[in-house]
Amino acid sequence: MSEEEQKVNEWWKVIGYNFLAMLAYTLLCRIVKEGGGIIFDCIFVCLHVFIALILAIALKKWEWFFSALIVLIIGFSACVTLLGPL
C-alpha cells in the first residue's frame, strides 16, 4: 500500500469514527424521550464539532476539520428536523 493510500485510509477512519460516535449518542438521545433527549443531542453535536475543530487546529490535520463539518451538517439537520414539529 502506498503512502497516499494510507493517508486516504487515515482520513476515512477519522471521519468514520466521528460519524459513528455521532450516530451512537444521537440514538441514545432518541431512546430517552423524557428529560429533553433532543436538546441533549443538540448539545452533544455542538460539543462534538467544537472538540473536532480544536483537534483540527492542534493537530493541523484537515480530516478533523472535514469530520467536524460533516458532523455539523448532519447533526444540525437532524436537530432542525426533530425540533421542527415541536
Protein backbone atom coordinates (compact mmCIF):
# COMPACT_ATOMS: atom_id res chain seq x y z
CA MET A 1 0.00 0.00 0.00
CA SER A 2 1.43 3.36 -0.99
CA GLU A 3 1.80 6.34 1.32
CA GLU A 4 -1.03 8.18 -0.43
CA GLU A 5 -3.41 5.24 0.03
CA GLN A 6 -2.52 5.11 3.74
CA LYS A 7 -3.26 8.83 4.03
CA VAL A 8 -6.67 8.38 2.39
CA ASN A 9 -7.42 5.44 4.70
CA GLU A 10 -6.50 7.60 7.71
CA TRP A 11 -8.92 10.31 6.50
CA TRP A 12 -11.78 7.84 6.21
CA LYS A 13 -11.01 6.31 9.60
CA VAL A 14 -11.19 9.68 11.35
CA ILE A 15 -14.35 10.71 9.51
CA GLY A 16 -15.94 7.28 10.01
CA TYR A 17 -15.21 7.16 13.74
CA ASN A 18 -16.61 10.65 14.22
CA PHE A 19 -19.74 9.72 12.30
CA LEU A 20 -20.18 6.53 14.34
CA ALA A 21 -19.77 8.48 17.58
CA MET A 22 -22.42 10.97 16.45
CA LEU A 23 -24.73 8.12 15.47
CA ALA A 24 -24.24 6.44 18.87
CA TYR A 25 -25.07 9.46 21.02
CA THR A 26 -27.90 10.50 18.70
CA LEU A 27 -29.52 7.08 19.04
CA LEU A 28 -29.06 7.16 22.81
CA CYS A 29 -30.67 10.59 22.99
CA ARG A 30 -33.57 9.39 20.83
CA ILE A 31 -34.20 6.46 23.17
CA VAL A 32 -34.51 8.86 26.12
CA LYS A 33 -37.79 10.61 25.33
CA GLU A 34 -38.21 12.11 28.78
CA GLY A 35 -35.85 14.75 30.06
CA GLY A 36 -35.16 16.54 26.79
CA GLY A 37 -33.27 13.90 24.81
CA ILE A 38 -33.43 16.01 21.65
CA ILE A 39 -31.95 19.02 23.44
CA PHE A 40 -29.10 16.90 24.79
CA ASP A 41 -28.46 15.63 21.27
CA CYS A 42 -28.10 19.20 20.01
CA ILE A 43 -25.71 19.98 22.86
CA PHE A 44 -23.65 16.86 22.08
CA VAL A 45 -23.45 17.83 18.41
CA CYS A 46 -22.16 21.30 19.35
CA LEU A 47 -19.57 19.84 21.73
CA HIS A 48 -18.52 17.26 19.14
CA VAL A 49 -18.00 19.93 16.47
CA PHE A 50 -16.13 22.19 18.92
CA ILE A 51 -13.77 19.39 20.00
CA ALA A 52 -13.15 18.30 16.40
CA LEU A 53 -12.30 21.88 15.41
CA ILE A 54 -9.90 22.21 18.35
CA LEU A 55 -8.23 18.95 17.32
CA ALA A 56 -8.03 20.16 13.71
CA ILE A 57 -6.16 23.27 14.85
CA ALA A 58 -3.98 21.49 17.41
CA LEU A 59 -3.02 18.56 15.17
CA LYS A 60 -3.04 20.61 11.95
CA LYS A 61 -4.95 17.88 10.13
CA TRP A 62 -7.69 18.55 7.61
CA GLU A 63 -9.51 15.30 8.26
CA TRP A 64 -10.59 16.61 11.67
CA PHE A 65 -11.91 19.78 10.07
CA PHE A 66 -13.90 17.85 7.47
CA SER A 67 -15.26 15.43 10.08
CA ALA A 68 -16.38 18.45 12.14
CA LEU A 69 -18.06 19.85 9.05
CA ILE A 70 -19.86 16.58 8.34
CA VAL A 71 -21.00 16.24 11.96
CA LEU A 72 -22.20 19.85 11.92
CA ILE A 73 -24.20 19.44 8.72
CA ILE A 74 -25.78 16.09 9.62
CA GLY A 75 -26.29 16.94 13.29
CA PHE A 76 -27.78 20.36 12.60
CA SER A 77 -30.19 18.95 10.04
CA ALA A 78 -31.23 16.20 12.47
CA CYS A 79 -31.84 18.73 15.25
CA VAL A 80 -33.82 21.05 12.99
CA THR A 81 -35.89 18.16 11.65
CA LEU A 82 -36.69 16.77 15.07
CA LEU A 83 -37.27 20.12 16.80
CA GLY A 84 -39.42 21.48 13.97
CA PRO A 85 -42.71 19.77 14.89
CA LEU A 86 -42.49 20.98 18.49
